[in-house]
Amino acid sequence: MASASPIYQGSRIFLSASEKSGVSLDNVNFVTAQFTALLFGFFLRFFIPQSLGKPQWRLLYCLVTGLALLWFMIGW
């Protein structure tokens, strides 16, 4: 049975899914973050096109979403 250690820094939102599947919580968080990043990428591609958004705003969007996913995955 998979469980998170008391000193685990990452998100514990999917702890029940981790325990039911027998996969470690780190792996569940990693896969969740990867699929979420794909969704954020589609959003960037189709709803903030290059012709409408300034490059600085697009880069800021990538930076903020990337840091949020990193924080979700490994915590601080």
PDB file of N, CA and C in Angstrom:
ATOM      1  N   MET A   1       0.831  -1.172   0.000  1.00  0.00           N
ATOM      2  CA  MET A   1       0.000   0.000   0.000  1.00  0.00           C
ATOM      3  C   MET A   1       0.883   1.247   0.000  1.00  0.00           C
ATOM      4  N   ALA A   2       0.566   2.203  -0.883  1.00  0.00           N
ATOM      5  CA  ALA A   2       1.358   3.422  -0.989  1.00  0.00           C
ATOM      6  C   ALA A   2       0.877   4.439   0.033  1.00  0.00           C
ATOM      7  N   SER A   3       1.806   5.142   0.611  1.00  0.00           N
ATOM      8  CA  SER A   3       1.456   6.221   1.533  1.00  0.00           C
ATOM      9  C   SER A   3       2.558   7.261   1.496  1.00  0.00           C
ATOM     10  N   ALA A   4       2.203   8.445   1.946  1.00  0.00           N
ATOM     11  CA  ALA A   4       3.177   9.536   1.962  1.00  0.00           C
ATOM     12  C   ALA A   4       3.823   9.589   3.339  1.00  0.00           C
ATOM     13  N   SER A   5       5.113   9.854   3.369  1.00  0.00           N
ATOM     14  CA  SER A   5       5.811   9.965   4.643  1.00  0.00           C
ATOM     15  C   SER A   5       5.390  11.257   5.345  1.00  0.00           C
ATOM     16  N   PRO A   6       5.588  11.339   6.642  1.00  0.00           N
ATOM     17  CA  PRO A   6       5.189  12.559   7.367  1.00  0.00           C
ATOM     18  C   PRO A   6       5.948  13.808   6.922  1.00  0.00           C
ATOM     19  N   ILE A   7       7.110  13.642   6.319  1.00  0.00           N
ATOM     20  CA  ILE A   7       7.886  14.800   5.887  1.00  0.00           C
ATOM     21  C   ILE A   7       7.717  15.086   4.394  1.00  0.00           C
ATOM     22  N   TYR A   8       6.744  14.442   3.742  1.00  0.00           N
ATOM     23  CA  TYR A   8       6.505  14.642   2.317  1.00  0.00           C
ATOM     24  C   TYR A   8       6.073  16.077   2.065  1.00  0.00           C
ATOM     25  N   GLN A   9       6.722  16.768   1.136  1.00  0.00           N
ATOM     26  CA  GLN A   9       6.478  18.186   0.890  1.00  0.00           C
ATOM     27  C   GLN A   9       5.434  18.449  -0.191  1.00  0.00           C
ATOM     28  N   GLY A  10       5.193  17.490  -1.072  1.00  0.00           N
ATOM     29  CA  GLY A  10       4.291  17.708  -2.200  1.00  0.00           C
ATOM     30  C   GLY A  10       2.824  17.681  -1.801  1.00  0.00           C
ATOM     31  N   SER A  11       1.962  17.865  -2.790  1.00  0.00           N
ATOM     32  CA  SER A  11       0.530  17.882  -2.562  1.00  0.00           C
ATOM     33  C   SER A  11       0.036  16.489  -2.181  1.00  0.00           C
ATOM     34  N   ARG A  12      -0.926  16.440  -1.281  1.00  0.00           N
ATOM     35  CA  ARG A  12      -1.521  15.169  -0.858  1.00  0.00           C
ATOM     36  C   ARG A  12      -2.963  15.039  -1.340  1.00  0.00           C
ATOM     37  N   ILE A  13      -3.343  15.823  -2.327  1.00  0.00           N
ATOM     38  CA  ILE A  13      -4.712  15.802  -2.836  1.00  0.00           C
ATOM     39  C   ILE A  13      -5.069  14.419  -3.384  1.00  0.00           C
ATOM     40  N   PHE A  14      -4.152  13.786  -4.058  1.00  0.00           N
ATOM     41  CA  PHE A  14      -4.422  12.504  -4.704  1.00  0.00           C
ATOM     42  C   PHE A  14      -3.916  11.318  -3.881  1.00  0.00           C
ATOM     43  N   LEU A  15      -3.823  11.483  -2.568  1.00  0.00           N
ATOM     44  CA  LEU A  15      -3.345  10.407  -1.703  1.00  0.00           C
ATOM     45  C   LEU A  15      -4.262   9.198  -1.760  1.00  0.00           C
ATOM     46  N   SER A  16      -5.576   9.417  -1.796  1.00  0.00           N
ATOM     47  CA  SER A  16      -6.500   8.282  -1.840  1.00  0.00           C
ATOM     48  C   SER A  16      -6.372   7.525  -3.167  1.00  0.00           C
ATOM     49  N   ALA A  17      -6.181   8.246  -4.273  1.00  0.00           N
ATOM     50  CA  ALA A  17      -5.978   7.582  -5.568  1.00  0.00           C
ATOM     51  C   ALA A  17      -4.672   6.801  -5.564  1.00  0.00           C
ATOM     52  N   SER A  18      -3.669   7.353  -4.908  1.00  0.00           N
ATOM     53  CA  SER A  18      -2.384   6.679  -4.804  1.00  0.00           C
ATOM     54  C   SER A  18      -2.505   5.385  -4.006  1.00  0.00           C
ATOM     55  N   GLU A  19      -3.228   5.443  -2.904  1.00  0.00           N
ATOM     56  CA  GLU A  19      -3.394   4.248  -2.072  1.00  0.00           C
ATOM     57  C   GLU A  19      -4.222   3.184  -2.773  1.00  0.00           C
ATOM     58  N   LYS A  20      -5.260   3.606  -3.499  1.00  0.00           N
ATOM     59  CA  LYS A  20      -6.117   2.633  -4.200  1.00  0.00           C
ATOM     60  C   LYS A  20      -5.388   1.962  -5.354  1.00  0.00           C
ATOM     61  N   SER A  21      -4.532   2.715  -6.037  1.00  0.00           N
ATOM     62  CA  SER A  21      -3.843   2.158  -7.202  1.00  0.00           C
ATOM     63  C   SER A  21      -2.549   1.446  -6.838  1.00  0.00           C
ATOM     64  N   GLY A  22      -1.993   1.736  -5.656  1.00  0.00           N
ATOM     65  CA  GLY A  22      -0.732   1.120  -5.261  1.00  0.00           C
ATOM     66  C   GLY A  22       0.489   1.796  -5.853  1.00  0.00           C
ATOM     67  N   VAL A  23       0.297   2.934  -6.488  1.00  0.00           N
ATOM     68  CA  VAL A  23       1.388   3.702  -7.087  1.00  0.00           C
ATOM     69  C   VAL A  23       1.806   4.779  -6.088  1.00  0.00           C
ATOM     70  N   SER A  24       3.088   5.098  -6.039  1.00  0.00           N
ATOM     71  CA  SER A  24       3.551   6.091  -5.074  1.00  0.00           C
ATOM     72  C   SER A  24       2.940   7.466  -5.376  1.00  0.00           C
ATOM     73  N   LEU A  25       2.797   8.247  -4.330  1.00  0.00           N
ATOM     74  CA  LEU A  25       2.181   9.569  -4.459  1.00  0.00           C
ATOM     75  C   LEU A  25       3.004  10.475  -5.366  1.00  0.00           C
ATOM     76  N   ASP A  26       4.316  10.353  -5.342  1.00  0.00           N
ATOM     77  CA  ASP A  26       5.165  11.146  -6.238  1.00  0.00           C
ATOM     78  C   ASP A  26       4.818  10.884  -7.700  1.00  0.00           C
ATOM     79  N   ASN A  27       4.635   9.624  -8.040  1.00  0.00           N
ATOM     80  CA  ASN A  27       4.316   9.276  -9.423  1.00  0.00           C
ATOM     81  C   ASN A  27       2.934   9.777  -9.823  1.00  0.00           C
ATOM     82  N   VAL A  28       1.973   9.676  -8.929  1.00  0.00           N
ATOM     83  CA  VAL A  28       0.626  10.170  -9.225  1.00  0.00           C
ATOM     84  C   VAL A  28       0.666  11.684  -9.432  1.00  0.00           C
ATOM     85  N   ASN A  29       1.374  12.393  -8.576  1.00  0.00           N
ATOM     86  CA  ASN A  29       1.493  13.844  -8.724  1.00  0.00           C
ATOM     87  C   ASN A  29       2.208  14.209 -10.019  1.00  0.00           C
ATOM     88  N   PHE A  30       3.233  13.458 -10.381  1.00  0.00           N
ATOM     89  CA  PHE A  30       3.976  13.742 -11.611  1.00  0.00           C
ATOM     90  C   PHE A  30       3.082  13.578 -12.839  1.00  0.00           C
ATOM     91  N   VAL A  31       2.346  12.480 -12.908  1.00  0.00           N
ATOM     92  CA  VAL A  31       1.472  12.238 -14.065  1.00  0.00           C
ATOM     93  C   VAL A  31       0.360  13.276 -14.114  1.00  0.00           C
ATOM     94  N   THR A  32      -0.193  13.614 -12.964  1.00  0.00           N
ATOM     95  CA  THR A  32      -1.228  14.649 -12.913  1.00  0.00           C
ATOM     96  C   THR A  32      -0.685  15.985 -13.394  1.00  0.00           C
ATOM     97  N   ALA A  33       0.513  16.337 -12.973  1.00  0.00           N
ATOM     98  CA  ALA A  33       1.123  17.595 -13.400  1.00  0.00           C
ATOM     99  C   ALA A  33       1.397  17.580 -14.903  1.00  0.00           C
ATOM    100  N   GLN A  34       1.790  16.455 -15.453  1.00  0.00           N
ATOM    101  CA  GLN A  34       2.060  16.377 -16.891  1.00  0.00           C
ATOM    102  C   GLN A  34       0.787  16.586 -17.701  1.00  0.00           C
ATOM    103  N   PHE A  35      -0.299  15.941 -17.309  1.00  0.00           N
ATOM    104  CA  PHE A  35      -1.557  16.113 -18.036  1.00  0.00           C
ATOM    105  C   PHE A  35      -2.104  17.536 -17.864  1.00  0.00           C
ATOM    106  N   THR A  36      -1.930  18.113 -16.693  1.00  0.00           N
ATOM    107  CA  THR A  36      -2.351  19.487 -16.471  1.00  0.00           C
ATOM    108  C   THR A  36      -1.528  20.441 -17.330  1.00  0.00           C
ATOM    109  N   ALA A  37      -0.238  20.176 -17.464  1.00  0.00           N
ATOM    110  CA  ALA A  37       0.615  21.012 -18.315  1.00  0.00           C
ATOM    111  C   ALA A  37       0.160  20.946 -19.770  1.00  0.00           C
ATOM    112  N   LEU A  38      -0.270  19.778 -20.221  1.00  0.00           N
ATOM    113  CA  LEU A  38      -0.800  19.662 -21.583  1.00  0.00           C
ATOM    114  C   LEU A  38      -2.053  20.517 -21.760  1.00  0.00           C
ATOM    115  N   LEU A  39      -2.935  20.491 -20.770  1.00  0.00           N
ATOM    116  CA  LEU A  39      -4.139  21.322 -20.845  1.00  0.00           C
ATOM    117  C   LEU A  39      -3.792  22.805 -20.852  1.00  0.00           C
ATOM    118  N   PHE A  40      -2.826  23.206 -20.014  1.00  0.00           N
ATOM    119  CA  PHE A  40      -2.390  24.600 -20.015  1.00  0.00           C
ATOM    120  C   PHE A  40      -1.757  24.976 -21.357  1.00  0.00           C
ATOM    121  N   GLY A  41      -1.052  24.043 -21.971  1.00  0.00           N
ATOM    122  CA  GLY A  41      -0.445  24.293 -23.275  1.00  0.00           C
ATOM    123  C   GLY A  41      -1.485  24.500 -24.363  1.00  0.00           C
ATOM    124  N   PHE A  42      -2.543  23.674 -24.353  1.00  0.00           N
ATOM    125  CA  PHE A  42      -3.630  23.870 -25.324  1.00  0.00           C
ATOM    126  C   PHE A  42      -4.318  25.209 -25.097  1.00  0.00           C
ATOM    127  N   PHE A  43      -4.509  25.574 -23.832  1.00  0.00           N
ATOM    128  CA  PHE A  43      -5.110  26.872 -23.527  1.00  0.00           C
ATOM    129  C   PHE A  43      -4.242  27.999 -24.080  1.00  0.00           C
ATOM    130  N   LEU A  44      -2.939  27.911 -23.889  1.00  0.00           N
ATOM    131  CA  LEU A  44      -2.021  28.938 -24.393  1.00  0.00           C
ATOM    132  C   LEU A  44      -2.079  29.006 -25.910  1.00  0.00           C
ATOM    133  N   ARG A  45      -2.125  27.869 -26.536  1.00  0.00           N
ATOM    134  CA  ARG A  45      -2.098  27.814 -28.003  1.00  0.00           C
ATOM    135  C   ARG A  45      -3.364  28.383 -28.626  1.00  0.00           C
ATOM    136  N   PHE A  46      -4.525  28.040 -28.062  1.00  0.00           N
ATOM    137  CA  PHE A  46      -5.775  28.390 -28.725  1.00  0.00           C
ATOM    138  C   PHE A  46      -6.459  29.643 -28.173  1.00  0.00           C
ATOM    139  N   PHE A  47      -6.229  30.011 -26.932  1.00  0.00           N
ATOM    140  CA  PHE A  47      -6.920  31.152 -26.356  1.00  0.00           C
ATOM    141  C   PHE A  47      -6.039  32.377 -26.169  1.00  0.00           C
ATOM    142  N   ILE A  48      -4.742  32.214 -26.273  1.00  0.00           N
ATOM    143  CA  ILE A  48      -3.833  33.359 -26.228  1.00  0.00           C
ATOM    144  C   ILE A  48      -2.905  33.250 -27.442  1.00  0.00           C
ATOM    145  N   PRO A  49      -3.445  33.461 -28.639  1.00  0.00           N
ATOM    146  CA  PRO A  49      -2.608  33.318 -29.843  1.00  0.00           C
ATOM    147  C   PRO A  49      -1.523  34.392 -29.900  1.00  0.00           C
ATOM    148  N   GLN A  50      -0.503  34.114 -30.669  1.00  0.00           N
ATOM    149  CA  GLN A  50       0.626  35.040 -30.772  1.00  0.00           C
ATOM    150  C   GLN A  50       0.206  36.386 -31.324  1.00  0.00           C
ATOM    151  N   SER A  51      -0.793  36.403 -32.178  1.00  0.00           N
ATOM    152  CA  SER A  51      -1.208  37.678 -32.776  1.00  0.00           C
ATOM    153  C   SER A  51      -1.921  38.585 -31.773  1.00  0.00           C
ATOM    154  N   LEU A  52      -2.522  38.012 -30.725  1.00  0.00           N
ATOM    155  CA  LEU A  52      -3.266  38.818 -29.754  1.00  0.00           C
ATOM    156  C   LEU A  52      -2.490  39.110 -28.482  1.00  0.00           C
ATOM    157  N   GLY A  53      -1.610  38.208 -28.099  1.00  0.00           N
ATOM    158  CA  GLY A  53      -0.895  38.381 -26.843  1.00  0.00           C
ATOM    159  C   GLY A  53       0.529  38.840 -27.045  1.00  0.00           C
ATOM    160  N   LYS A  54       0.971  39.729 -26.179  1.00  0.00           N
ATOM    161  CA  LYS A  54       2.367  40.155 -26.227  1.00  0.00           C
ATOM    162  C   LYS A  54       3.251  39.006 -25.759  1.00  0.00           C
ATOM    163  N   PRO A  55       4.471  38.918 -26.277  1.00  0.00           N
ATOM    164  CA  PRO A  55       5.367  37.840 -25.852  1.00  0.00           C
ATOM    165  C   PRO A  55       5.628  37.839 -24.342  1.00  0.00           C
ATOM    166  N   GLN A  56       5.674  39.020 -23.734  1.00  0.00           N
ATOM    167  CA  GLN A  56       5.925  39.079 -22.293  1.00  0.00           C
ATOM    168  C   GLN A  56       4.792  38.426 -21.510  1.00  0.00           C
ATOM    169  N   TRP A  57       3.539  38.627 -21.938  1.00  0.00           N
ATOM    170  CA  TRP A  57       2.407  38.027 -21.238  1.00  0.00           C
ATOM    171  C   TRP A  57       2.377  36.520 -21.423  1.00  0.00           C
ATOM    172  N   ARG A  58       2.728  36.080 -22.625  1.00  0.00           N
ATOM    173  CA  ARG A  58       2.760  34.634 -22.873  1.00  0.00           C
ATOM    174  C   ARG A  58       3.855  33.976 -22.037  1.00  0.00           C
ATOM    175  N   LEU A  59       5.003  34.618 -21.951  1.00  0.00           N
ATOM    176  CA  LEU A  59       6.092  34.073 -21.138  1.00  0.00           C
ATOM    177  C   LEU A  59       5.748  34.099 -19.655  1.00  0.00           C
ATOM    178  N   LEU A  60       5.074  35.150 -19.206  1.00  0.00           N
ATOM    179  CA  LEU A  60       4.642  35.226 -17.816  1.00  0.00           C
ATOM    180  C   LEU A  60       3.637  34.123 -17.501  1.00  0.00           C
ATOM    181  N   TYR A  61       2.726  33.857 -18.423  1.00  0.00           N
ATOM    182  CA  TYR A  61       1.764  32.761 -18.262  1.00  0.00           C
ATOM    183  C   TYR A  61       2.502  31.431 -18.095  1.00  0.00           C
ATOM    184  N   CYS A  62       3.480  31.183 -18.950  1.00  0.00           N
ATOM    185  CA  CYS A  62       4.263  29.936 -18.866  1.00  0.00           C
ATOM    186  C   CYS A  62       5.023  29.842 -17.553  1.00  0.00           C
ATOM    187  N   LEU A  63       5.608  30.940 -17.117  1.00  0.00           N
ATOM    188  CA  LEU A  63       6.360  30.943 -15.865  1.00  0.00           C
ATOM    189  C   LEU A  63       5.452  30.671 -14.666  1.00  0.00           C
ATOM    190  N   VAL A  64       4.320  31.344 -14.597  1.00  0.00           N
ATOM    191  CA  VAL A  64       3.419  31.188 -13.456  1.00  0.00           C
ATOM    192  C   VAL A  64       2.820  29.782 -13.408  1.00  0.00           C
ATOM    193  N   THR A  65       2.358  29.284 -14.548  1.00  0.00           N
ATOM    194  CA  THR A  65       1.775  27.938 -14.540  1.00  0.00           C
ATOM    195  C   THR A  65       2.847  26.880 -14.260  1.00  0.00           C
ATOM    196  N   GLY A  66       4.045  27.079 -14.771  1.00  0.00           N
ATOM    197  CA  GLY A  66       5.128  26.128 -14.498  1.00  0.00           C
ATOM    198  C   GLY A  66       5.507  26.092 -13.031  1.00  0.00           C
ATOM    199  N   LEU A  67       5.610  27.262 -12.410  1.00  0.00           N
ATOM    200  CA  LEU A  67       5.934  27.314 -10.981  1.00  0.00           C
ATOM    201  C   LEU A  67       4.805  26.729 -10.132  1.00  0.00           C
ATOM    202  N   ALA A  68       3.554  26.961 -10.536  1.00  0.00           N
ATOM    203  CA  ALA A  68       2.422  26.393  -9.798  1.00  0.00           C
ATOM    204  C   ALA A  68       2.433  24.866  -9.876  1.00  0.00           C
ATOM    205  N   LEU A  69       2.736  24.331 -11.037  1.00  0.00           N
ATOM    206  CA  LEU A  69       2.809  22.869 -11.178  1.00  0.00           C
ATOM    207  C   LEU A  69       3.984  22.302 -10.392  1.00  0.00           C
ATOM    208  N   LEU A  70       5.092  23.013 -10.378  1.00  0.00           N
ATOM    209  CA  LEU A  70       6.248  22.572  -9.600  1.00  0.00           C
ATOM    210  C   LEU A  70       5.920  22.554  -8.116  1.00  0.00           C
ATOM    211  N   TRP A  71       5.249  23.577  -7.652  1.00  0.00           N
ATOM    212  CA  TRP A  71       4.857  23.658  -6.250  1.00  0.00           C
ATOM    213  C   TRP A  71       3.888  22.538  -5.889  1.00  0.00           C
ATOM    214  N   PHE A  72       2.954  22.235  -6.818  1.00  0.00           N
ATOM    215  CA  PHE A  72       2.029  21.136  -6.604  1.00  0.00           C
ATOM    216  C   PHE A  72       2.766  19.807  -6.495  1.00  0.00           C
ATOM    217  N   MET A  73       3.725  19.612  -7.399  1.00  0.00           N
ATOM    218  CA  MET A  73       4.393  18.324  -7.503  1.00  0.00           C
ATOM    219  C   MET A  73       5.343  18.050  -6.355  1.00  0.00           C
ATOM    220  N   ILE A  74       6.212  18.998  -6.031  1.00  0.00           N
ATOM    221  CA  ILE A  74       7.225  18.705  -5.013  1.00  0.00           C
ATOM    222  C   ILE A  74       7.097  19.544  -3.771  1.00  0.00           C
ATOM    223  N   GLY A  75       6.323  20.616  -3.807  1.00  0.00           N
ATOM    224  CA  GLY A  75       6.107  21.455  -2.628  1.00  0.00           C
ATOM    225  C   GLY A  75       7.360  22.214  -2.230  1.00  0.00           C
ATOM    226  N   TRP A  76       7.183  23.155  -1.283  1.00  0.00           N
ATOM    227  CA  TRP A  76       8.301  23.913  -0.744  1.00  0.00           C
ATOM    228  C   TRP A  76       8.084  24.189   0.703  1.00  0.00           C
TER     229      TRP A  76
END
